Amino acid sequence: MEEIEKLEQAVKEAQKEEPKWPSQQDIIDMKASEMIEEEKAELRIKAENWAEEKANSKAMIIAEQERALSIQEKQFNTLRNEVKYYADWWALPSKMTEAQAMMTIQMWKQMNMNMFEALQGIWYVNWKMIIYWEVMVSQLTKAGYRVKLNTSNAEKCNLTITWKNWKITEEFTIEQAKKAGWVKGFWPWQSQPHMMLRYKAIRQWIKFLAPEVMSGLSTYEEVTTEIEPETEPIQEADIQTNITNKFKKND
């Protein structure tokens, strides 16, 4: 009985005590905790959105790369089919390989040439692509340049090339050709020196003032004098309308 009375007395005393209100510091701590939780939630949402955007962006990049590869593959296959078509109709030079033909087609499209002009005017010597003189002059005039011969004979060529409102004169002599070793090594220099001097004077001008006309191509003399004949044999640069042995084997 005494224990029960003590317990009842303790309850009555506890009920008489004033309620304990939180201190100002407790309130500040509670508010800080709430703000931290809100910031965490916002950061979590931002992180999820960022991850989703990155995933979508990466997926788009991968899709674009796959699309580009697909386009390149289609273009490559189209190019091979073009080469096969020209070969079937005996439109390729006899010693031109499939790879060379594909490169030639790409080059004529880049230079805005027609097929026949490219197949007859672009060839491969010492494993490099070259352009014939006539095609070089054609490309120059297509680009809007005009050539005027001032002096042209078997000894020298002096010419002026104009474009819009300006003009520049260029000269090339047979002595320069001899020093370069072209006169003995390439028969047109012996049979038609006046024509070769014209071409070379134009080439000199293009090389330094309008390289875009050639699209990085070289001429026969430039390629054949870059290396010693003993170390790497020169490929013949003859043009014949005959199907290549490679395509005969494929058939």
Foldseek 3Di string as FASTA:
>chain_A
DVVVVVVVVVVVVVVVDDDDDDDPVVVVVVVVVVVVVVVVVVVVVVVVVVVVVVVVVVVVVVVVVVVVVVVVVVVVVVLLVVLLVCLVVLNAFAAQDSVNSSVLVVVCVVLVHDPNQSRLAWDAKLNAIAGELVVLVVLCVVVPKDKDWDDFDLFKTWIWIDHDPDIDIFMDGVVVCVVLVNCVVPPCCVVPVRVVRVSVRVVVCCVPPPVVSVVPHHHPSVVVSPDDCVVGPIDDPDGDSGRYPVSVVVD
